[in-house]
Structure formats: C-alpha cells, structure tokens
Amino acid sequence: LEQSTAIWGKIGLLSFGGPTAQIALMHRLIVAERRWLSEAQFLNAVSFCMLLPGPEAMQLATYAGWRNHGFLGGLVAGLLFVLPGALIMLCLGIAYVYFGTFGIVGALFLGVKAAIVVIVLQALIRLAGKALQKPHQWVTAIVGFCGIFILALPFPLIIAMAAIYGFASNRQPQATTTLPPLPNGKDTVKTILIWAGIWWGPLLAIDLFADAPLLAEIGYFFSKLAVVTFGGAYAGLAYMAQDVVGQLGWLQPTEMMDGLGLAETTPGPLILVTEFVGFLAAFKTAGIAHGIAGAAIALWATFIPCFLWIFAGAPYLDWLTHQPRLQGALASITAAVVGVIANLFVWFALHLFFSETMITDLAMIHILTPNLASLDLQVIAIALVCAFLAFGRGLGLFWLLGLAALAGAMLHLVPLD
C-alpha cells in the first residue's frame, strides 16, 4: 500500500488536462508499467464509471485502488486524486476574489476564457468521434442538444430518456458463458448505509444546528448534482451552470467561466469547479471564512458520493459487464452527452463573445440569443488564434492557456480599438 500511495500521489499531482488525459495517465502508470489491472479490467472499469454520476476519472482511480488493496486502497487513491487540485483551487479562488477582477488580472482571465471555449470544442469533437458511430446515435445527440438548448429540459430527464432507449433497443443476445456470481446483498446494503451516513450526516448537522442557510443550500445543491450528473464533468457543468447562474443567482456567467478556467489549470477532476462555486457563493455572503466553509461543503457533497458508488457498485462490475442491455444504455447515454456538451459549448461561446444575451421565449421554446451589437472582437480574435494553435498545430493545454492569458494581457495594455 505504501508504494501504491506514492503512485496515486504522483497521479494526483500530474492529472492535468481533463478526464481523457487523466485516464491515459492512469493507464500508463497502473496498467502498462505496473500491471495492477489488466487491459480488460481497466476498460471494463472505464465503462462502469461512465455509467455512474460524477467524475469518472476520480471514480476510476478509486476503483483501481480498491481492486488492488481493498477499501483502504480505494480511499487513498480517490483522496490523493482530488486533494492536490482542491488545495490549489482554494488558493486560486482566494486570489481571484481579491485580485481576479481588477485590471491586468481580469484581462488574463479573459484570455483564458477564450482558450476554454476551444478546449470545450476539442472535447466535443473527440467524444463525438468515439460515441457517434451509427445514425441513431447522431439522432440521440441532436435530440439531446435540442432538448436542453431549445426546450430547456432538465439534464437528468434527457439522460434518463437516452438510457431507457438504449436499454430497450439493444437486442444483442445474452453471452453464453456462465455469469459471475452476485456479491453478498447484505454487505452491499451495509456499505450503502455507512457511506450515506458519512455523506449526509455533516450536511444535515449544518442545516439543523448552524445558523448558515446558504452553506446548507450549497450542500444540498451539490449533493443533488452528484446524483444526476452522468457523462463526466463537461456534461455536469451544463446542468450546474443553468442553476448556479440562471436560477440561484450565486454567480455571474463571467464568474462561472472564470471558475472553469481555474479548474482547467489545476490537477485533478475538472468538476473541482464546484469548489470554486461553493467558495465564491459563500464568500459573497459573509467573507473569507464563510467562503472556505462553502468550498469544503461543495467538495464534500461532490466527492463523498463517488466513494459510495464505487464501494457499493464495484463488487458487481464483473457481473454487470456481461449484460448487453446495460452496454446499450451506456452507449445511448454517451450519445446524449455529446448533445449536452454541444449545448455547453454554445452557452459559453455566446456569453464570452457577446456582452449581452437574453432568453427568447416562443411557446415551449426557450433559446439563448445574443445582442449582435455587443460582439467583442478582441475575444473573438484570441479564440480564433487559440483554435488555430489547438487544431492546426496541436498545441498542448498549458501552452494554449498561457498564450491566451498573455494575449488577453497584451490586448488590455494595447487594445485593438
């Protein structure tokens, strides 16, 4: 376990670049180099984690640790995957509220946001290339995009509909090999009860005994998010942004994008942006101590459920991977997630490129539309350069973010107009 702890600490410090890069790093260190998991075990674990709500890379790390060293190994792997980035994110959040909206610092973030739009587009194209292999998968993705962008349907409803369709339409015959035995159901119930208590105990205590209603609301909101955000961080962000910005009013659209930019520059899951949201929302209410408490509660509600899903569900993985209909549900969910990520890309782009947007309502249709006169040509210029460097030159994540930040600073000092 000591050697495993060192490896997971290394992965936690180096896990930049989103879930695709993080999964690739884990594959290299724990499959190719150390053979802690076989190729089949690793790929089955990736598929299983994609079926779960929450950050799939963190859950994959927890599963790999559990598979090799049991409960303690899973706990160590999951925590070390998250904590380095969480500490860095907290420091960046504190710096942001004191310096991030003034002068050159704000210009740096503006450049980063232009690069983030390109990064989201890259993620969309990569996922679409893998997930949309058949015509019905393209239809599922388009329906998912229209459902959330045009009809403003809840993300969980879109995912549920896709899962039901994929489950019902997969007519692949059952494998003739003997199914692995099911784990002990009593042990599963015990695990669920223990981790549900760990998850909800502190949140209920805050609600009942602490005079801090916003902190309780943060805990409940991100607990709900942890249950319904299938498809990874980019998909979850679309659902989170709708409520955090549009309904709850905790953050402005520009602050939401700044948080995503910070999350892109730190190791660990991209969903660490929830920590930034919790911190900023609580900071606005009662200052720095309240902000740190909000960040901690957001982290707790985001990641503790991941341990519940893995420790309760991992023993069933061998049995689940022999069920063709569940594989069909996963493929359909992934196709719908492509449409949701497309919505995230359009949402970010419109709020970045135009300083004024509005919701146009036509009966059941609710479309985000920009004020064309508020187009920001400087941000468009940075985004176009970033797109050329990313797609045409294959520039890495950190170089891309760094150059975009530098471009934002330069345009702040010497504006085009």
Protein backbone atom coordinates (compact mmCIF):
# COMPACT_ATOMS: atom_id res chain seq x y z
CA LEU A 1 0.00 0.00 0.00
CA GLU A 2 2.93 2.35 0.63
CA GLN A 3 4.09 2.05 -2.98
CA SER A 4 0.51 2.48 -4.17
CA THR A 5 0.14 5.65 -2.08
CA ALA A 6 3.22 7.17 -3.71
CA ILE A 7 1.92 6.36 -7.20
CA TRP A 8 -1.52 7.83 -6.52
CA GLY A 9 0.09 10.94 -5.06
CA LYS A 10 2.06 11.29 -8.27
CA ILE A 11 -1.07 10.82 -10.38
CA GLY A 12 -2.91 13.42 -8.26
CA LEU A 13 -0.18 15.99 -8.89
CA LEU A 14 0.13 15.26 -12.62
CA SER A 15 -3.52 14.73 -13.57
CA PHE A 16 -3.93 17.81 -15.76
CA GLY A 17 -5.92 18.10 -18.96
CA GLY A 18 -9.35 16.67 -18.18
CA PRO A 19 -10.65 13.10 -17.87
CA THR A 20 -9.25 11.85 -21.17
CA ALA A 21 -5.69 12.83 -20.23
CA GLN A 22 -6.20 11.61 -16.64
CA ILE A 23 -7.44 8.19 -17.75
CA ALA A 24 -4.50 7.93 -20.17
CA LEU A 25 -2.07 8.76 -17.33
CA MET A 26 -3.61 6.10 -15.10
CA HIS A 27 -3.46 3.54 -17.91
CA ARG A 28 0.24 4.18 -18.37
CA LEU A 29 1.14 4.00 -14.67
CA ILE A 30 -1.12 1.25 -13.37
CA VAL A 31 -1.71 -0.92 -16.46
CA ALA A 32 1.22 -0.56 -18.87
CA GLU A 33 4.00 -0.09 -16.30
CA ARG A 34 2.82 -1.93 -13.16
CA ARG A 35 0.12 -4.34 -14.33
CA TRP A 36 -2.09 -3.58 -11.34
CA LEU A 37 -5.06 -4.05 -13.69
CA SER A 38 -5.30 -6.00 -16.94
CA GLU A 39 -6.39 -4.25 -20.12
CA ALA A 40 -9.82 -5.88 -19.89
CA GLN A 41 -10.26 -4.92 -16.24
CA PHE A 42 -9.25 -1.33 -16.96
CA LEU A 43 -11.60 -0.93 -19.95
CA ASN A 44 -14.49 -2.53 -18.08
CA ALA A 45 -13.86 -0.17 -15.18
CA VAL A 46 -13.90 2.85 -17.51
CA SER A 47 -17.26 1.72 -18.94
CA PHE A 48 -18.65 1.15 -15.46
CA CYS A 49 -17.56 4.58 -14.23
CA MET A 50 -19.15 6.19 -17.28
CA LEU A 51 -22.47 4.70 -16.15
CA LEU A 52 -22.16 6.41 -12.77
CA PRO A 53 -22.94 10.03 -11.95
CA GLY A 54 -19.98 12.23 -11.09
CA PRO A 55 -16.34 12.47 -12.25
CA GLU A 56 -15.43 9.22 -13.99
CA ALA A 57 -11.64 9.66 -13.67
CA MET A 58 -11.80 10.03 -9.88
CA GLN A 59 -14.09 7.02 -9.66
CA LEU A 60 -11.75 5.03 -11.88
CA ALA A 61 -8.87 5.87 -9.53
CA THR A 62 -10.95 4.77 -6.54
CA TYR A 63 -11.89 1.52 -8.27
CA ALA A 64 -8.29 0.74 -9.20
CA GLY A 65 -7.15 1.36 -5.62
CA TRP A 66 -9.99 -0.83 -4.29
CA ARG A 67 -9.24 -3.62 -6.75
CA ASN A 68 -5.62 -3.85 -5.56
CA HIS A 69 -5.80 -3.01 -1.84
CA GLY A 70 -9.46 -3.15 -0.84
CA PHE A 71 -11.33 -0.38 0.95
CA LEU A 72 -8.24 1.44 2.25
CA GLY A 73 -6.59 1.36 -1.17
CA GLY A 74 -9.68 2.83 -2.81
CA LEU A 75 -9.96 5.55 -0.19
CA VAL A 76 -6.30 6.54 -0.56
CA ALA A 77 -6.43 6.54 -4.37
CA GLY A 78 -9.62 8.62 -4.52
CA LEU A 79 -8.44 11.18 -1.97
CA LEU A 80 -4.99 11.62 -3.50
CA PHE A 81 -6.54 12.08 -6.92
CA VAL A 82 -8.64 15.01 -5.65
CA LEU A 83 -6.86 16.74 -2.75
CA PRO A 84 -3.83 18.30 -4.53
CA GLY A 85 -6.04 20.04 -7.06
CA ALA A 86 -8.56 21.01 -4.36
CA LEU A 87 -5.89 22.78 -2.31
CA ILE A 88 -4.59 24.60 -5.37
CA MET A 89 -8.13 25.55 -6.40
CA LEU A 90 -8.83 27.02 -2.96
CA CYS A 91 -5.69 29.18 -3.15
CA LEU A 92 -6.62 30.34 -6.64
CA GLY A 93 -10.18 31.10 -5.52
CA ILE A 94 -8.91 33.25 -2.66
CA ALA A 95 -6.59 35.09 -5.04
CA TYR A 96 -9.45 35.52 -7.51
CA VAL A 97 -11.81 37.27 -5.09
CA TYR A 98 -9.12 39.75 -4.08
CA PHE A 99 -7.28 40.29 -7.37
CA GLY A 100 -9.08 38.49 -10.19
CA THR A 101 -11.49 41.20 -11.31
CA PHE A 102 -9.08 44.11 -11.43
CA GLY A 103 -7.02 45.39 -14.35
CA ILE A 104 -4.45 43.09 -15.85
CA VAL A 105 -5.59 40.08 -13.79
CA GLY A 106 -9.07 40.33 -15.27
CA ALA A 107 -7.52 40.55 -18.75
CA LEU A 108 -5.51 37.39 -18.10
CA PHE A 109 -8.72 35.54 -17.22
CA LEU A 110 -10.44 36.92 -20.31
CA GLY A 111 -7.75 35.37 -22.49
CA VAL A 112 -8.03 32.07 -20.62
CA LYS A 113 -11.79 32.02 -21.20
CA ALA A 114 -11.23 32.36 -24.95
CA ALA A 115 -8.98 29.29 -24.80
CA ILE A 116 -11.54 27.41 -22.70
CA VAL A 117 -14.11 27.68 -25.47
CA VAL A 118 -11.64 25.98 -27.83
CA ILE A 119 -10.86 23.29 -25.24
CA VAL A 120 -14.56 22.51 -24.82
CA LEU A 121 -14.90 22.29 -28.61
CA GLN A 122 -11.97 19.83 -28.71
CA ALA A 123 -13.65 17.68 -26.07
CA LEU A 124 -16.89 17.76 -28.05
CA ILE A 125 -15.20 16.66 -31.28
CA ARG A 126 -13.24 13.86 -29.57
CA LEU A 127 -16.29 12.47 -27.83
CA ALA A 128 -18.46 12.74 -30.94
CA GLY A 129 -15.85 10.82 -32.94
CA LYS A 130 -15.99 7.93 -30.48
CA ALA A 131 -19.66 7.97 -29.49
CA LEU A 132 -21.50 8.70 -32.74
CA GLN A 133 -20.74 5.72 -34.94
CA LYS A 134 -24.29 4.96 -36.12
CA PRO A 135 -27.17 7.11 -37.44
CA HIS A 136 -29.39 6.53 -34.39
CA GLN A 137 -26.58 7.78 -32.14
CA TRP A 138 -26.40 11.03 -34.13
CA VAL A 139 -30.17 11.38 -33.72
CA THR A 140 -29.83 10.84 -29.96
CA ALA A 141 -27.13 13.53 -29.75
CA ILE A 142 -29.19 16.03 -31.76
CA VAL A 143 -32.27 15.35 -29.64
CA GLY A 144 -30.16 15.86 -26.50
CA PHE A 145 -28.88 19.20 -27.76
CA CYS A 146 -32.32 20.44 -28.79
CA GLY A 147 -33.84 19.23 -25.54
CA ILE A 148 -31.53 21.29 -23.36
CA PHE A 149 -30.77 24.28 -25.63
CA ILE A 150 -34.19 24.86 -27.19
CA LEU A 151 -36.68 23.30 -24.76
CA ALA A 152 -34.63 23.82 -21.57
CA LEU A 153 -35.39 20.26 -20.43
CA PRO A 154 -33.60 19.10 -17.27
CA PHE A 155 -30.36 17.27 -17.99
CA PRO A 156 -31.33 14.24 -15.83
CA LEU A 157 -34.51 13.79 -17.89
CA ILE A 158 -32.52 13.76 -21.13
CA ILE A 159 -30.10 11.17 -19.72
CA ALA A 160 -32.94 9.01 -18.37
CA MET A 161 -34.70 9.02 -21.74
CA ALA A 162 -31.46 8.10 -23.53
CA ALA A 163 -30.74 5.28 -21.08
CA ILE A 164 -34.22 3.82 -21.46
CA TYR A 165 -33.98 3.98 -25.25
CA GLY A 166 -30.53 2.35 -25.29
CA PHE A 167 -31.60 -0.37 -22.85
CA ALA A 168 -34.77 -1.21 -24.77
CA SER A 169 -33.29 -1.06 -28.28
CA ASN A 170 -30.23 -3.25 -27.68
CA ARG A 171 -31.22 -6.72 -28.88
CA GLN A 172 -27.77 -8.28 -28.69
CA PRO A 173 -28.17 -11.84 -27.36
CA GLN A 174 -27.00 -12.75 -23.88
CA ALA A 175 -23.49 -14.22 -23.74
CA THR A 176 -23.46 -18.00 -23.47
CA THR A 177 -20.66 -18.03 -20.89
CA THR A 178 -21.55 -18.50 -17.23
CA LEU A 179 -22.31 -15.25 -15.42
CA PRO A 180 -20.07 -14.35 -12.47
CA PRO A 181 -21.79 -14.78 -9.09
CA LEU A 182 -23.52 -11.81 -7.49
CA PRO A 183 -21.91 -10.33 -4.34
CA ASN A 184 -23.50 -10.63 -0.92
CA GLY A 185 -26.51 -8.28 -0.84
CA LYS A 186 -26.23 -7.69 2.92
CA ASP A 187 -22.69 -6.38 2.53
CA THR A 188 -23.90 -4.01 -0.19
CA VAL A 189 -26.71 -2.64 1.99
CA LYS A 190 -24.26 -2.15 4.88
CA THR A 191 -21.85 -0.24 2.62
CA ILE A 192 -24.64 1.98 1.30
CA LEU A 193 -25.89 2.83 4.79
CA ILE A 194 -22.40 3.63 6.10
CA TRP A 195 -21.47 5.92 3.22
CA ALA A 196 -24.90 7.54 3.10
CA GLY A 197 -24.40 8.43 6.76
CA ILE A 198 -20.91 9.80 6.08
CA TRP A 199 -22.31 11.82 3.17
CA TRP A 200 -25.47 13.24 4.73
CA GLY A 201 -24.55 13.44 8.42
CA PRO A 202 -22.45 16.64 8.24
CA LEU A 203 -24.86 18.29 5.77
CA LEU A 204 -27.87 17.68 7.99
CA ALA A 205 -25.91 18.89 11.02
CA ILE A 206 -25.11 22.17 9.25
CA ASP A 207 -28.75 22.62 8.31
CA LEU A 208 -30.10 21.84 11.78
CA PHE A 209 -27.51 23.36 14.10
CA ALA A 210 -25.53 26.01 12.21
CA ASP A 211 -27.00 29.41 11.51
CA ALA A 212 -25.80 29.34 7.91
CA PRO A 213 -28.65 28.64 5.47
CA LEU A 214 -26.52 29.24 2.38
CA LEU A 215 -23.99 26.60 3.47
CA ALA A 216 -26.80 24.08 3.88
CA GLU A 217 -28.16 25.06 0.47
CA ILE A 218 -24.71 24.55 -1.08
CA GLY A 219 -24.52 21.07 0.46
CA TYR A 220 -27.96 20.08 -0.80
CA PHE A 221 -27.44 21.52 -4.28
CA PHE A 222 -24.14 19.75 -4.92
CA SER A 223 -25.50 16.54 -3.40
CA LYS A 224 -28.28 16.68 -5.97
CA LEU A 225 -25.69 17.40 -8.66
CA ALA A 226 -23.68 14.36 -7.54
CA VAL A 227 -26.68 12.11 -8.15
CA VAL A 228 -27.83 13.37 -11.55
CA THR A 229 -24.69 14.42 -13.45
CA PHE A 230 -23.99 11.49 -15.73
CA GLY A 231 -21.43 11.75 -18.50
CA GLY A 232 -18.50 13.45 -16.76
CA ALA A 233 -17.58 17.00 -15.84
CA TYR A 234 -18.40 18.76 -19.13
CA ALA A 235 -21.91 17.33 -19.12
CA GLY A 236 -22.41 18.17 -15.44
CA LEU A 237 -21.26 21.73 -15.98
CA ALA A 238 -24.13 22.40 -18.37
CA TYR A 239 -26.65 21.39 -15.72
CA MET A 240 -24.80 23.19 -12.92
CA ALA A 241 -24.37 26.43 -14.87
CA GLN A 242 -28.09 26.63 -15.63
CA ASP A 243 -29.00 26.62 -11.94
CA VAL A 244 -26.00 28.41 -10.40
CA VAL A 245 -26.21 31.32 -12.85
CA GLY A 246 -29.77 31.31 -14.11
CA GLN A 247 -31.89 30.24 -11.13
CA LEU A 248 -29.93 30.56 -7.88
CA GLY A 249 -28.01 33.67 -8.93
CA TRP A 250 -24.90 32.66 -6.96
CA LEU A 251 -22.50 33.54 -9.81
CA GLN A 252 -22.49 35.69 -12.93
CA PRO A 253 -21.80 33.96 -16.29
CA THR A 254 -18.31 35.52 -16.42
CA GLU A 255 -17.54 34.23 -12.90
CA MET A 256 -18.69 30.74 -13.91
CA MET A 257 -16.33 30.80 -16.87
CA ASP A 258 -13.50 32.11 -14.68
CA GLY A 259 -14.06 29.14 -12.37
CA LEU A 260 -13.87 26.74 -15.29
CA GLY A 261 -10.65 28.42 -16.40
CA LEU A 262 -9.15 27.91 -12.95
CA ALA A 263 -10.25 24.27 -12.91
CA GLU A 264 -8.58 23.71 -16.30
CA THR A 265 -5.25 24.94 -14.91
CA THR A 266 -5.20 22.69 -11.82
CA PRO A 267 -4.60 18.96 -11.47
CA GLY A 268 -7.49 16.70 -10.56
CA PRO A 269 -11.06 16.46 -11.88
CA LEU A 270 -12.50 19.36 -13.83
CA ILE A 271 -15.54 19.14 -11.56
CA LEU A 272 -13.39 20.85 -8.92
CA VAL A 273 -15.11 23.92 -10.32
CA THR A 274 -17.86 23.07 -7.80
CA GLU A 275 -15.39 24.04 -5.06
CA PHE A 276 -14.93 27.43 -6.71
CA VAL A 277 -18.70 27.91 -6.97
CA GLY A 278 -19.22 26.99 -3.31
CA PHE A 279 -16.38 29.25 -2.22
CA LEU A 280 -17.47 32.28 -4.25
CA ALA A 281 -21.15 31.99 -3.37
CA ALA A 282 -20.39 31.78 0.36
CA PHE A 283 -17.66 34.45 0.19
CA LYS A 284 -20.12 36.94 -1.29
CA THR A 285 -22.43 36.31 1.68
CA ALA A 286 -20.09 36.51 4.69
CA GLY A 287 -16.41 36.79 3.77
CA ILE A 288 -13.38 34.55 3.58
CA ALA A 289 -14.08 32.12 6.45
CA HIS A 290 -17.57 31.52 5.13
CA GLY A 291 -16.10 31.08 1.65
CA ILE A 292 -13.65 28.39 2.81
CA ALA A 293 -16.53 26.59 4.55
CA GLY A 294 -18.56 26.79 1.33
CA ALA A 295 -15.66 25.31 -0.64
CA ALA A 296 -15.28 22.44 1.85
CA ILE A 297 -19.00 21.64 1.78
CA ALA A 298 -19.09 21.71 -2.03
CA LEU A 299 -16.13 19.30 -2.12
CA TRP A 300 -17.77 17.00 0.43
CA ALA A 301 -21.08 16.87 -1.42
CA THR A 302 -19.34 16.38 -4.79
CA PHE A 303 -16.85 13.62 -3.97
CA ILE A 304 -18.12 11.64 -0.98
CA PRO A 305 -20.93 10.17 -3.15
CA CYS A 306 -18.24 8.87 -5.53
CA PHE A 307 -16.91 6.61 -2.78
CA LEU A 308 -20.44 5.34 -2.16
CA TRP A 309 -20.98 4.47 -5.84
CA ILE A 310 -17.64 2.65 -6.13
CA PHE A 311 -17.55 0.78 -2.83
CA ALA A 312 -21.17 -0.35 -3.26
CA GLY A 313 -21.07 -0.98 -7.01
CA ALA A 314 -17.54 -2.19 -7.76
CA PRO A 315 -18.16 -5.75 -6.47
CA TYR A 316 -20.87 -6.05 -9.14
CA LEU A 317 -18.67 -4.96 -12.06
CA ASP A 318 -17.79 -8.43 -13.36
CA TRP A 319 -21.48 -9.36 -13.37
CA LEU A 320 -22.62 -6.08 -14.95
CA THR A 321 -20.16 -6.23 -17.84
CA HIS A 322 -21.85 -9.43 -19.03
CA GLN A 323 -25.23 -7.63 -19.52
CA PRO A 324 -25.67 -6.47 -23.16
CA ARG A 325 -28.64 -4.21 -22.42
CA LEU A 326 -26.65 -2.19 -19.89
CA GLN A 327 -23.97 -1.70 -22.51
CA GLY A 328 -26.67 -0.39 -24.85
CA ALA A 329 -27.84 2.06 -22.19
CA LEU A 330 -24.27 3.31 -21.75
CA ALA A 331 -23.82 3.88 -25.49
CA SER A 332 -27.06 5.83 -25.69
CA ILE A 333 -26.18 7.95 -22.64
CA THR A 334 -22.82 8.80 -24.20
CA ALA A 335 -24.53 9.89 -27.43
CA ALA A 336 -26.91 12.16 -25.49
CA VAL A 337 -23.96 13.61 -23.58
CA VAL A 338 -22.44 14.71 -26.90
CA GLY A 339 -25.52 16.87 -27.44
CA VAL A 340 -25.32 18.28 -23.92
CA ILE A 341 -21.64 19.19 -24.37
CA ALA A 342 -22.57 20.92 -27.63
CA ASN A 343 -25.03 22.98 -25.59
CA LEU A 344 -22.26 23.83 -23.10
CA PHE A 345 -20.02 24.98 -25.95
CA VAL A 346 -22.74 27.24 -27.41
CA TRP A 347 -23.64 28.59 -23.94
CA PHE A 348 -20.03 29.50 -23.14
CA ALA A 349 -19.35 30.94 -26.59
CA LEU A 350 -22.41 33.20 -26.58
CA HIS A 351 -21.67 34.57 -23.11
CA LEU A 352 -18.00 35.12 -23.99
CA PHE A 353 -18.30 36.63 -27.46
CA PHE A 354 -21.27 38.85 -26.62
CA SER A 355 -21.53 41.05 -23.55
CA GLU A 356 -25.35 40.99 -23.70
CA THR A 357 -27.57 37.91 -24.06
CA MET A 358 -31.24 37.21 -23.45
CA ILE A 359 -33.68 34.31 -23.37
CA THR A 360 -36.15 34.35 -26.27
CA ASP A 361 -39.42 32.61 -25.36
CA LEU A 362 -41.73 31.26 -28.06
CA ALA A 363 -44.37 28.97 -26.54
CA MET A 364 -42.39 25.92 -25.32
CA ILE A 365 -39.18 27.15 -26.93
CA HIS A 366 -36.58 28.97 -24.79
CA ILE A 367 -33.47 29.97 -26.73
CA LEU A 368 -30.45 31.92 -25.52
CA THR A 369 -29.85 34.69 -28.07
CA PRO A 370 -27.13 37.37 -28.18
CA ASN A 371 -27.34 41.08 -28.82
CA LEU A 372 -25.32 41.24 -32.03
CA ALA A 373 -24.25 44.82 -31.31
CA SER A 374 -22.42 43.62 -28.17
CA LEU A 375 -19.95 41.43 -30.09
CA ASP A 376 -16.44 41.52 -28.56
CA LEU A 377 -13.97 41.41 -31.46
CA GLN A 378 -10.92 41.18 -29.19
CA VAL A 379 -12.12 37.97 -27.55
CA ILE A 380 -13.04 36.56 -30.97
CA ALA A 381 -9.51 37.27 -32.17
CA ILE A 382 -7.95 35.43 -29.21
CA ALA A 383 -10.32 32.48 -29.67
CA LEU A 384 -9.51 32.19 -33.39
CA VAL A 385 -5.77 32.18 -32.67
CA CYS A 386 -6.30 29.55 -29.96
CA ALA A 387 -8.36 27.43 -32.37
CA PHE A 388 -5.57 27.59 -34.96
CA LEU A 389 -2.91 26.65 -32.40
CA ALA A 390 -5.00 23.83 -30.92
CA PHE A 391 -6.35 22.27 -34.11
CA GLY A 392 -3.71 23.30 -36.64
CA ARG A 393 -0.56 22.99 -34.52
CA GLY A 394 -1.64 20.58 -31.79
CA LEU A 395 -0.52 22.93 -29.04
CA GLY A 396 -0.70 21.46 -25.54
CA LEU A 397 -3.15 22.58 -22.85
CA PHE A 398 -0.76 24.65 -20.75
CA TRP A 399 0.88 26.41 -23.69
CA LEU A 400 -2.57 27.20 -25.04
CA LEU A 401 -3.84 28.64 -21.75
CA GLY A 402 -0.60 30.52 -21.15
CA LEU A 403 -0.51 32.14 -24.58
CA ALA A 404 -4.21 33.02 -24.36
CA ALA A 405 -3.66 34.68 -20.99
CA LEU A 406 -0.71 36.60 -22.43
CA ALA A 407 -2.82 37.70 -25.40
CA GLY A 408 -5.53 38.94 -23.03
CA ALA A 409 -2.97 40.95 -21.08
CA MET A 410 -1.49 42.44 -24.25
CA LEU A 411 -4.90 43.50 -25.54
CA HIS A 412 -5.62 45.06 -22.17
CA LEU A 413 -2.45 47.12 -22.41
CA VAL A 414 -2.75 47.88 -26.16
CA PRO A 415 -6.42 47.45 -27.19
CA LEU A 416 -7.33 46.94 -30.84
CA ASP A 417 -9.95 49.69 -30.89
